[in-house]
Amino acid sequence: YVARSQLTAALADITPGKVQAESLIADGKATSNASDIGLRTDTTRCGITVKVEAAGTANITCKVKGNSQVSDKTIAWDRTPDNSAGTNGVNNGGVWTCSTTVTSDALRPSGCIATK
């Protein structure tokens, strides 16, 4: 229970950064500074790294601080680039996906996929 709560709290630490990342992308700007998207680089639950590209890709990663089940694991938001042409007439870009190196289904927040 504690590890799942710690991982969910870590995700909550980085999620607000998506809004400011979208704003930077809309303005054609890039950054690797967490403060540029309203986040701190270090919280009680995370070591945060950020990479926002003007072309539309973005990554906001938390290196988790917690008990042994989640400590030094990562949880992240990744954004696919915009694709205004789309596939079959559907714009399938600009999508945010949650991923984590925590492989246990019992610990991962709903909607987050496991990565290696």
N, C-alpha and C. Protein backbone atom coordinates (compact mmCIF):
# COMPACT_ATOMS: atom_id res chain seq x y z
N TYR A 1 0.82 -1.20 0.00
CA TYR A 1 0.00 0.00 0.00
C TYR A 1 0.86 1.27 0.00
N VAL A 2 1.91 1.28 0.83
CA VAL A 2 2.78 2.46 0.94
C VAL A 2 3.48 2.73 -0.39
N ALA A 3 4.02 1.70 -1.01
CA ALA A 3 4.74 1.89 -2.28
C ALA A 3 3.80 2.42 -3.36
N ARG A 4 2.60 1.89 -3.44
CA ARG A 4 1.63 2.38 -4.44
C ARG A 4 1.31 3.85 -4.19
N SER A 5 1.12 4.22 -2.95
CA SER A 5 0.85 5.62 -2.60
C SER A 5 2.02 6.52 -2.97
N GLN A 6 3.24 6.03 -2.73
CA GLN A 6 4.42 6.82 -3.06
C GLN A 6 4.53 7.03 -4.58
N LEU A 7 4.24 6.00 -5.35
CA LEU A 7 4.32 6.10 -6.80
C LEU A 7 3.23 7.04 -7.33
N THR A 8 2.04 6.94 -6.78
CA THR A 8 0.95 7.82 -7.19
C THR A 8 1.26 9.27 -6.83
N ALA A 9 1.84 9.49 -5.67
CA ALA A 9 2.23 10.84 -5.26
C ALA A 9 3.33 11.39 -6.17
N ALA A 10 4.24 10.53 -6.59
CA ALA A 10 5.30 10.95 -7.51
C ALA A 10 4.70 11.40 -8.84
N LEU A 11 3.72 10.66 -9.34
CA LEU A 11 3.05 11.05 -10.58
C LEU A 11 2.35 12.40 -10.40
N ALA A 12 1.75 12.60 -9.24
CA ALA A 12 1.08 13.87 -8.96
C ALA A 12 2.08 15.03 -8.94
N ASP A 13 3.32 14.78 -8.58
CA ASP A 13 4.34 15.83 -8.57
C ASP A 13 4.67 16.33 -9.97
N ILE A 14 4.61 15.45 -10.97
CA ILE A 14 5.02 15.86 -12.32
C ILE A 14 3.86 16.21 -13.24
N THR A 15 2.67 15.75 -12.93
CA THR A 15 1.52 15.96 -13.82
C THR A 15 1.22 17.43 -14.12
N PRO A 16 1.31 18.35 -13.16
CA PRO A 16 1.02 19.75 -13.49
C PRO A 16 1.93 20.34 -14.57
N GLY A 17 3.10 19.78 -14.77
CA GLY A 17 4.03 20.28 -15.77
C GLY A 17 3.54 20.13 -17.20
N LYS A 18 2.59 19.22 -17.41
CA LYS A 18 2.08 19.00 -18.78
C LYS A 18 1.43 20.26 -19.35
N VAL A 19 0.73 21.02 -18.53
CA VAL A 19 0.02 22.21 -19.00
C VAL A 19 1.02 23.25 -19.53
N GLN A 20 2.05 23.53 -18.75
CA GLN A 20 3.05 24.51 -19.18
C GLN A 20 3.88 23.99 -20.35
N ALA A 21 4.12 22.68 -20.40
CA ALA A 21 4.83 22.11 -21.54
C ALA A 21 4.03 22.34 -22.82
N GLU A 22 2.72 22.15 -22.75
CA GLU A 22 1.86 22.40 -23.91
C GLU A 22 1.95 23.85 -24.36
N SER A 23 2.01 24.76 -23.41
CA SER A 23 2.11 26.18 -23.72
C SER A 23 3.42 26.48 -24.44
N LEU A 24 4.52 25.91 -23.95
CA LEU A 24 5.81 26.11 -24.61
C LEU A 24 5.80 25.56 -26.03
N ILE A 25 5.25 24.37 -26.18
CA ILE A 25 5.18 23.74 -27.51
C ILE A 25 4.36 24.61 -28.46
N ALA A 26 3.24 25.12 -27.97
CA ALA A 26 2.39 25.99 -28.80
C ALA A 26 3.13 27.25 -29.24
N ASP A 27 4.05 27.71 -28.39
CA ASP A 27 4.85 28.90 -28.71
C ASP A 27 6.12 28.56 -29.47
N GLY A 28 6.34 27.28 -29.78
CA GLY A 28 7.53 26.87 -30.52
C GLY A 28 8.81 26.95 -29.72
N LYS A 29 8.71 26.77 -28.40
CA LYS A 29 9.87 26.88 -27.52
C LYS A 29 10.24 25.52 -26.93
N ALA A 30 11.51 25.39 -26.59
CA ALA A 30 12.03 24.17 -25.97
C ALA A 30 12.62 24.51 -24.61
N THR A 31 12.72 23.51 -23.75
CA THR A 31 13.37 23.71 -22.45
C THR A 31 13.80 22.38 -21.86
N SER A 32 14.77 22.46 -20.98
CA SER A 32 15.14 21.31 -20.15
C SER A 32 15.14 21.73 -18.68
N ASN A 33 14.55 22.88 -18.40
CA ASN A 33 14.46 23.39 -17.03
C ASN A 33 13.08 23.11 -16.45
N ALA A 34 13.05 22.39 -15.36
CA ALA A 34 11.78 22.06 -14.72
C ALA A 34 11.01 23.32 -14.34
N SER A 35 11.72 24.36 -13.92
CA SER A 35 11.04 25.59 -13.50
C SER A 35 10.28 26.25 -14.65
N ASP A 36 10.71 26.02 -15.89
CA ASP A 36 10.02 26.60 -17.04
C ASP A 36 8.62 26.02 -17.25
N ILE A 37 8.37 24.85 -16.65
CA ILE A 37 7.03 24.27 -16.75
C ILE A 37 6.35 24.20 -15.37
N GLY A 38 6.85 25.04 -14.46
CA GLY A 38 6.21 25.17 -13.16
C GLY A 38 6.54 24.09 -12.15
N LEU A 39 7.62 23.35 -12.39
CA LEU A 39 8.00 22.28 -11.46
C LEU A 39 9.35 22.59 -10.81
N ARG A 40 9.60 21.94 -9.68
CA ARG A 40 10.92 22.00 -9.05
C ARG A 40 11.72 20.80 -9.53
N THR A 41 13.03 20.88 -9.50
CA THR A 41 13.84 19.73 -9.92
C THR A 41 13.89 18.66 -8.84
N ASP A 42 13.59 19.05 -7.61
CA ASP A 42 13.68 18.10 -6.51
C ASP A 42 12.50 18.32 -5.57
N THR A 43 11.79 17.23 -5.26
CA THR A 43 10.71 17.29 -4.27
C THR A 43 10.98 16.18 -3.25
N THR A 44 10.12 16.06 -2.27
CA THR A 44 10.30 14.99 -1.28
C THR A 44 10.07 13.62 -1.91
N ARG A 45 9.39 13.57 -3.06
CA ARG A 45 9.08 12.29 -3.70
C ARG A 45 9.84 12.05 -5.00
N CYS A 46 10.43 13.11 -5.58
CA CYS A 46 10.99 13.00 -6.93
C CYS A 46 12.27 13.78 -7.14
N GLY A 47 13.10 13.22 -8.02
CA GLY A 47 14.12 13.99 -8.71
C GLY A 47 13.57 14.17 -10.11
N ILE A 48 13.31 15.40 -10.53
CA ILE A 48 12.58 15.65 -11.77
C ILE A 48 13.50 16.12 -12.88
N THR A 49 13.35 15.50 -14.05
CA THR A 49 14.03 15.95 -15.26
C THR A 49 12.98 16.23 -16.33
N VAL A 50 13.30 17.20 -17.17
CA VAL A 50 12.34 17.68 -18.18
C VAL A 50 13.05 17.84 -19.51
N LYS A 51 12.37 17.48 -20.57
CA LYS A 51 12.85 17.78 -21.92
C LYS A 51 11.63 18.08 -22.78
N VAL A 52 11.50 19.34 -23.18
CA VAL A 52 10.42 19.77 -24.06
C VAL A 52 11.06 20.27 -25.34
N GLU A 53 10.63 19.74 -26.46
CA GLU A 53 11.16 20.13 -27.77
C GLU A 53 10.14 21.00 -28.49
N ALA A 54 10.62 22.00 -29.20
CA ALA A 54 9.74 22.89 -29.96
C ALA A 54 8.93 22.12 -31.00
N ALA A 55 9.47 20.99 -31.47
CA ALA A 55 8.78 20.18 -32.48
C ALA A 55 7.59 19.42 -31.92
N GLY A 56 7.43 19.43 -30.60
CA GLY A 56 6.23 18.84 -30.02
C GLY A 56 6.42 17.63 -29.13
N THR A 57 7.62 17.07 -29.08
CA THR A 57 7.82 15.96 -28.15
C THR A 57 8.17 16.52 -26.78
N ALA A 58 7.85 15.75 -25.76
CA ALA A 58 8.18 16.17 -24.40
C ALA A 58 8.31 14.95 -23.51
N ASN A 59 9.13 15.10 -22.48
CA ASN A 59 9.30 14.07 -21.47
C ASN A 59 9.44 14.76 -20.12
N ILE A 60 8.64 14.32 -19.17
CA ILE A 60 8.73 14.80 -17.79
C ILE A 60 8.89 13.56 -16.93
N THR A 61 10.05 13.41 -16.31
CA THR A 61 10.37 12.19 -15.58
C THR A 61 10.64 12.46 -14.11
N CYS A 62 10.14 11.57 -13.29
CA CYS A 62 10.41 11.58 -11.85
C CYS A 62 11.21 10.33 -11.50
N LYS A 63 12.39 10.52 -10.90
CA LYS A 63 13.12 9.41 -10.30
C LYS A 63 12.60 9.34 -8.86
N VAL A 64 11.90 8.27 -8.57
CA VAL A 64 11.12 8.17 -7.33
C VAL A 64 12.01 8.00 -6.10
N LYS A 65 11.61 8.71 -5.05
CA LYS A 65 12.19 8.54 -3.72
C LYS A 65 11.12 7.87 -2.87
N GLY A 66 11.43 6.70 -2.34
CA GLY A 66 10.42 6.00 -1.56
C GLY A 66 10.99 4.72 -0.98
N ASN A 67 10.10 3.79 -0.63
CA ASN A 67 10.58 2.54 -0.06
C ASN A 67 11.24 1.68 -1.14
N SER A 68 11.75 0.54 -0.76
CA SER A 68 12.57 -0.27 -1.66
C SER A 68 11.84 -0.75 -2.92
N GLN A 69 10.52 -0.82 -2.89
CA GLN A 69 9.77 -1.28 -4.06
C GLN A 69 9.72 -0.24 -5.18
N VAL A 70 9.89 1.03 -4.83
CA VAL A 70 9.79 2.09 -5.84
C VAL A 70 11.00 3.03 -5.89
N SER A 71 11.85 2.99 -4.88
CA SER A 71 13.00 3.90 -4.84
C SER A 71 13.89 3.71 -6.06
N ASP A 72 14.29 4.82 -6.67
CA ASP A 72 15.14 4.86 -7.86
C ASP A 72 14.47 4.32 -9.12
N LYS A 73 13.19 4.02 -9.05
CA LYS A 73 12.42 3.69 -10.26
C LYS A 73 11.99 5.01 -10.88
N THR A 74 11.51 4.97 -12.10
CA THR A 74 11.03 6.20 -12.72
C THR A 74 9.55 6.09 -13.08
N ILE A 75 8.92 7.25 -13.10
CA ILE A 75 7.57 7.37 -13.63
C ILE A 75 7.59 8.64 -14.48
N ALA A 76 6.96 8.59 -15.64
CA ALA A 76 7.13 9.69 -16.58
C ALA A 76 5.88 9.94 -17.41
N TRP A 77 5.80 11.16 -17.91
CA TRP A 77 4.85 11.53 -18.94
C TRP A 77 5.65 11.78 -20.21
N ASP A 78 5.25 11.14 -21.31
CA ASP A 78 5.88 11.34 -22.61
C ASP A 78 4.82 11.83 -23.59
N ARG A 79 5.19 12.83 -24.39
CA ARG A 79 4.26 13.40 -25.37
C ARG A 79 4.75 13.09 -26.78
N THR A 80 3.84 12.58 -27.60
CA THR A 80 4.17 12.35 -29.00
C THR A 80 4.08 13.68 -29.74
N PRO A 81 4.84 13.83 -30.83
CA PRO A 81 4.78 15.09 -31.57
C PRO A 81 3.43 15.27 -32.26
N ASP A 82 3.10 16.52 -32.50
CA ASP A 82 1.87 16.82 -33.23
C ASP A 82 1.97 16.24 -34.64
N ASN A 83 0.84 15.83 -35.17
CA ASN A 83 0.77 15.28 -36.52
C ASN A 83 -0.48 15.85 -37.18
N SER A 84 -0.36 17.08 -37.66
CA SER A 84 -1.55 17.74 -38.20
C SER A 84 -2.11 17.03 -39.43
N ALA A 85 -1.24 16.31 -40.16
CA ALA A 85 -1.73 15.55 -41.31
C ALA A 85 -2.52 14.33 -40.83
N GLY A 86 -2.09 13.80 -39.70
CA GLY A 86 -2.80 12.67 -39.12
C GLY A 86 -2.66 11.39 -39.92
N THR A 87 -3.30 10.38 -39.43
CA THR A 87 -3.36 9.09 -40.08
C THR A 87 -4.83 8.83 -40.39
N ASN A 88 -5.12 8.57 -41.63
CA ASN A 88 -6.52 8.37 -42.05
C ASN A 88 -7.41 9.54 -41.64
N GLY A 89 -6.83 10.75 -41.73
CA GLY A 89 -7.61 11.95 -41.42
C GLY A 89 -7.75 12.27 -39.95
N VAL A 90 -7.09 11.50 -39.09
CA VAL A 90 -7.19 11.72 -37.65
C VAL A 90 -5.85 12.24 -37.13
N ASN A 91 -5.87 13.39 -36.46
CA ASN A 91 -4.66 13.92 -35.84
C ASN A 91 -4.35 13.07 -34.62
N ASN A 92 -3.32 12.25 -34.72
CA ASN A 92 -2.99 11.33 -33.63
C ASN A 92 -1.77 11.79 -32.84
N GLY A 93 -1.40 13.04 -32.97
CA GLY A 93 -0.24 13.55 -32.24
C GLY A 93 -0.64 14.30 -31.00
N GLY A 94 0.37 14.72 -30.27
CA GLY A 94 0.13 15.51 -29.08
C GLY A 94 -0.48 14.72 -27.94
N VAL A 95 -0.24 13.42 -27.91
CA VAL A 95 -0.82 12.56 -26.88
C VAL A 95 0.20 12.32 -25.77
N TRP A 96 -0.24 12.47 -24.54
CA TRP A 96 0.60 12.20 -23.37
C TRP A 96 0.36 10.76 -22.91
N THR A 97 1.45 10.05 -22.59
CA THR A 97 1.38 8.68 -22.11
C THR A 97 2.19 8.56 -20.83
N CYS A 98 1.61 7.90 -19.84
CA CYS A 98 2.31 7.64 -18.58
C CYS A 98 3.02 6.30 -18.68
N SER A 99 4.28 6.28 -18.25
CA SER A 99 5.03 5.02 -18.20
C SER A 99 5.87 4.99 -16.93
N THR A 100 6.21 3.79 -16.49
CA THR A 100 7.01 3.63 -15.29
C THR A 100 7.88 2.38 -15.40
N THR A 101 9.01 2.41 -14.71
CA THR A 101 9.87 1.23 -14.65
C THR A 101 9.43 0.28 -13.53
N VAL A 102 8.38 0.63 -12.81
CA VAL A 102 7.79 -0.28 -11.82
C VAL A 102 6.94 -1.28 -12.60
N THR A 103 7.27 -2.55 -12.51
CA THR A 103 6.59 -3.56 -13.32
C THR A 103 5.38 -4.20 -12.64
N SER A 104 5.26 -4.06 -11.34
CA SER A 104 4.15 -4.68 -10.61
C SER A 104 2.82 -3.99 -10.92
N ASP A 105 1.85 -4.76 -11.42
CA ASP A 105 0.51 -4.22 -11.68
C ASP A 105 -0.11 -3.64 -10.42
N ALA A 106 0.19 -4.24 -9.28
CA ALA A 106 -0.40 -3.80 -8.02
C ALA A 106 0.10 -2.42 -7.59
N LEU A 107 1.26 -2.01 -8.08
CA LEU A 107 1.84 -0.74 -7.66
C LEU A 107 1.63 0.39 -8.66
N ARG A 108 1.50 0.05 -9.93
CA ARG A 108 1.39 1.07 -10.98
C ARG A 108 0.06 1.81 -10.92
N PRO A 109 0.10 3.15 -11.07
CA PRO A 109 -1.16 3.90 -11.16
C PRO A 109 -1.94 3.45 -12.40
N SER A 110 -3.23 3.51 -12.31
CA SER A 110 -4.09 3.14 -13.42
C SER A 110 -3.73 3.96 -14.65
N GLY A 111 -3.61 3.30 -15.79
CA GLY A 111 -3.29 3.99 -17.03
C GLY A 111 -1.82 4.11 -17.33
N CYS A 112 -0.95 3.81 -16.38
CA CYS A 112 0.49 3.85 -16.62
C CYS A 112 0.96 2.50 -17.12
N ILE A 113 1.77 2.52 -18.17
CA ILE A 113 2.30 1.27 -18.71
C ILE A 113 3.68 1.00 -18.13
N ALA A 114 4.03 -0.26 -18.05
CA ALA A 114 5.34 -0.65 -17.54
C ALA A 114 6.35 -0.62 -18.68
N THR A 115 7.53 -0.08 -18.40
CA THR A 115 8.64 -0.10 -19.34
C THR A 115 9.81 -0.77 -18.67
N LYS A 116 10.77 -1.16 -19.46
CA LYS A 116 11.94 -1.84 -18.87
C LYS A 116 13.04 -0.88 -18.57
